[in-house]
Amino acid sequence: MDITLTIIGFLCCLLGIVGSFLPVLPGPLTSWVGLLLLHFCKVIPQNWTFLGITLAIAILVWFLDYIVPAMGTKKFGGTKYGMIGSSVGLLIGIFFLGPLGIIIGPFVGAFVGELLKDNDATKALKAAFGSFIGFLTGTLIKFIVSIVFIFLYCSKVWEYKSVLF
């Protein structure tokens, strides 16, 4: 059972990294589930302080993920149309352009969203840039936290490898 929990936990951590880029998956929270599963292994002592702190960080990053893009868009004069366009652009970009869509999609989506609201291309371009910067900042934060979580996961598995495997 411990090996199964270890494998599923590792897969959750990997899925959390992927979720850092996809808006439909909560990256750090998914990685945290991997940490939780690891601590349910019989041979690894449960550290509720560690799990509580990492959960608080995951929830904070999840919350910030909704605020940071809005701050970027607002700082550059954007509206909700730009934010919605950025999210839709990401999904469409990933579908049609693959990994390159992660970069191009939010920018084009925010630009189109702002153009739909106000037909001023200069204003739309500025807002799209702000939305794009906000999106990239949020993504970077989620990615870093997910990488740290998988590092913590691997270090714990390495520490108990002799009794796990």
Protein backbone atom coordinates (compact mmCIF):
# COMPACT_ATOMS: atom_id res chain seq x y z
CA MET A 1 0.00 0.00 0.00
CA ASP A 2 2.87 2.37 0.76
CA ILE A 3 4.32 1.98 -2.73
CA THR A 4 0.90 2.70 -4.26
CA LEU A 5 0.50 5.84 -2.15
CA THR A 6 4.03 6.89 -3.06
CA ILE A 7 3.40 6.48 -6.79
CA ILE A 8 0.02 8.22 -6.71
CA GLY A 9 1.50 11.01 -4.59
CA PHE A 10 4.33 11.50 -7.08
CA LEU A 11 1.84 11.59 -9.95
CA CYS A 12 -0.15 14.25 -8.07
CA CYS A 13 3.02 16.32 -7.69
CA LEU A 14 3.71 16.01 -11.42
CA LEU A 15 0.11 16.89 -12.22
CA GLY A 16 0.51 19.92 -9.96
CA ILE A 17 3.39 21.15 -12.11
CA VAL A 18 1.22 20.75 -15.22
CA GLY A 19 -1.58 22.51 -13.34
CA SER A 20 0.68 25.50 -12.86
CA PHE A 21 0.18 26.26 -16.53
CA LEU A 22 -3.42 25.15 -17.02
CA PRO A 23 -6.12 27.29 -15.43
CA VAL A 24 -8.43 24.30 -14.93
CA LEU A 25 -6.07 22.51 -12.52
CA PRO A 26 -5.05 24.03 -9.19
CA GLY A 27 -1.30 23.32 -9.47
CA PRO A 28 0.05 23.80 -5.93
CA LEU A 29 -3.06 22.28 -4.33
CA THR A 30 -2.71 19.19 -6.51
CA SER A 31 0.96 18.94 -5.57
CA TRP A 32 -0.01 19.31 -1.91
CA VAL A 33 -2.34 16.31 -2.25
CA GLY A 34 0.77 14.37 -3.28
CA LEU A 35 2.50 15.46 -0.07
CA LEU A 36 -0.56 14.45 1.93
CA LEU A 37 -0.67 10.99 0.33
CA LEU A 38 3.01 10.50 1.11
CA HIS A 39 2.37 11.25 4.77
CA PHE A 40 -0.33 8.57 4.84
CA CYS A 41 2.33 5.94 4.19
CA LYS A 42 2.85 3.84 7.32
CA VAL A 43 6.63 4.18 7.32
CA ILE A 44 6.70 7.97 7.02
CA PRO A 45 5.84 9.82 10.22
CA GLN A 46 2.94 12.21 9.85
CA ASN A 47 4.07 15.79 10.29
CA TRP A 48 0.89 17.85 10.64
CA THR A 49 2.83 21.09 11.08
CA PHE A 50 4.59 20.54 7.75
CA LEU A 51 1.32 19.62 6.04
CA GLY A 52 -0.46 22.61 7.57
CA ILE A 53 2.20 25.08 6.47
CA THR A 54 2.38 23.66 2.95
CA LEU A 55 -1.43 23.67 2.72
CA ALA A 56 -1.53 27.32 3.81
CA ILE A 57 1.03 28.16 1.12
CA ALA A 58 -0.94 26.24 -1.53
CA ILE A 59 -4.17 28.03 -0.58
CA LEU A 60 -2.43 31.41 -0.55
CA VAL A 61 -0.99 30.80 -4.02
CA TRP A 62 -4.39 29.60 -5.26
CA PHE A 63 -5.94 32.82 -3.93
CA LEU A 64 -3.16 34.97 -5.42
CA ASP A 65 -3.68 33.30 -8.77
CA TYR A 66 -6.97 35.13 -9.05
CA ILE A 67 -5.64 38.46 -7.78
CA VAL A 68 -2.28 38.85 -9.58
CA PRO A 69 -3.62 38.77 -13.17
CA ALA A 70 -6.36 41.21 -12.18
CA MET A 71 -3.76 43.53 -10.66
CA GLY A 72 -1.66 43.36 -13.82
CA THR A 73 -4.64 44.04 -16.03
CA LYS A 74 -5.91 46.87 -13.86
CA LYS A 75 -2.47 48.48 -13.56
CA PHE A 76 -2.25 48.67 -17.36
CA GLY A 77 -5.82 49.97 -17.78
CA GLY A 78 -7.58 46.72 -18.60
CA THR A 79 -11.06 45.51 -17.75
CA LYS A 80 -12.77 42.22 -16.99
CA TYR A 81 -13.06 41.67 -20.72
CA GLY A 82 -9.28 41.50 -20.94
CA MET A 83 -9.06 39.07 -18.04
CA ILE A 84 -11.75 36.80 -19.46
CA GLY A 85 -10.16 37.03 -22.90
CA SER A 86 -6.81 36.08 -21.40
CA SER A 87 -8.24 32.87 -19.88
CA VAL A 88 -10.16 31.95 -23.02
CA GLY A 89 -7.08 32.71 -25.12
CA LEU A 90 -5.01 30.38 -22.96
CA LEU A 91 -7.40 27.48 -23.45
CA ILE A 92 -7.73 28.07 -27.19
CA GLY A 93 -3.99 28.66 -27.54
CA ILE A 94 -3.10 25.40 -25.82
CA PHE A 95 -5.60 23.53 -27.97
CA PHE A 96 -4.35 24.93 -31.29
CA LEU A 97 -0.72 25.83 -30.59
CA GLY A 98 0.29 23.44 -27.82
CA PRO A 99 2.92 24.74 -25.41
CA LEU A 100 3.43 27.91 -27.46
CA GLY A 101 -0.24 28.69 -26.83
CA ILE A 102 0.56 29.18 -23.14
CA ILE A 103 2.47 32.32 -24.08
CA ILE A 104 0.58 33.59 -27.13
CA GLY A 105 -2.99 32.67 -26.13
CA PRO A 106 -3.42 34.90 -23.05
CA PHE A 107 -1.96 37.91 -24.83
CA VAL A 108 -4.13 37.55 -27.96
CA GLY A 109 -7.17 36.69 -25.85
CA ALA A 110 -6.77 39.77 -23.65
CA PHE A 111 -6.25 41.93 -26.73
CA VAL A 112 -9.40 40.61 -28.41
CA GLY A 113 -11.37 40.91 -25.16
CA GLU A 114 -10.38 44.54 -24.76
CA LEU A 115 -11.17 45.25 -28.42
CA LEU A 116 -14.66 43.85 -27.88
CA LYS A 117 -15.22 46.26 -25.01
CA ASP A 118 -13.64 49.33 -26.57
CA ASN A 119 -12.49 49.54 -30.17
CA ASP A 120 -9.25 51.36 -29.24
CA ALA A 121 -6.33 49.18 -30.36
CA THR A 122 -3.70 51.12 -28.39
CA LYS A 123 -5.62 50.82 -25.15
CA ALA A 124 -6.39 47.16 -25.88
CA LEU A 125 -2.72 46.42 -26.55
CA LYS A 126 -1.66 48.05 -23.29
CA ALA A 127 -4.30 46.16 -21.31
CA ALA A 128 -3.39 42.91 -23.07
CA PHE A 129 0.23 43.42 -22.07
CA GLY A 130 -0.83 43.97 -18.44
CA SER A 131 -3.02 40.89 -18.46
CA PHE A 132 -0.22 38.88 -20.01
CA ILE A 133 2.30 40.06 -17.39
CA GLY A 134 -0.17 39.27 -14.61
CA PHE A 135 -0.83 35.83 -16.04
CA LEU A 136 2.88 35.07 -16.37
CA THR A 137 3.55 36.26 -12.82
CA GLY A 138 0.79 34.06 -11.40
CA THR A 139 1.96 31.10 -13.47
CA LEU A 140 5.54 31.58 -12.31
CA ILE A 141 4.48 31.68 -8.66
CA LYS A 142 2.42 28.48 -9.06
CA PHE A 143 5.25 26.76 -10.92
CA ILE A 144 7.85 27.65 -8.28
CA VAL A 145 5.62 26.43 -5.44
CA SER A 146 4.84 23.19 -7.28
CA ILE A 147 8.55 22.61 -7.95
CA VAL A 148 9.33 23.20 -4.26
CA PHE A 149 6.58 20.75 -3.30
CA ILE A 150 7.90 18.04 -5.60
CA PHE A 151 11.40 18.68 -4.23
CA LEU A 152 10.07 18.27 -0.67
CA TYR A 153 8.25 15.13 -1.78
CA CYS A 154 11.36 13.62 -3.36
CA SER A 155 13.56 14.51 -0.39
CA LYS A 156 11.11 12.80 1.98
CA VAL A 157 10.97 9.71 -0.26
CA TRP A 158 14.78 9.70 -0.46
CA GLU A 159 15.02 9.95 3.33
CA TYR A 160 12.80 6.87 3.78
CA LYS A 161 13.74 4.95 0.61
CA SER A 162 15.20 2.02 2.52
CA VAL A 163 11.92 1.27 4.31
CA LEU A 164 9.61 2.28 1.42
CA PHE A 165 11.12 0.06 -1.28
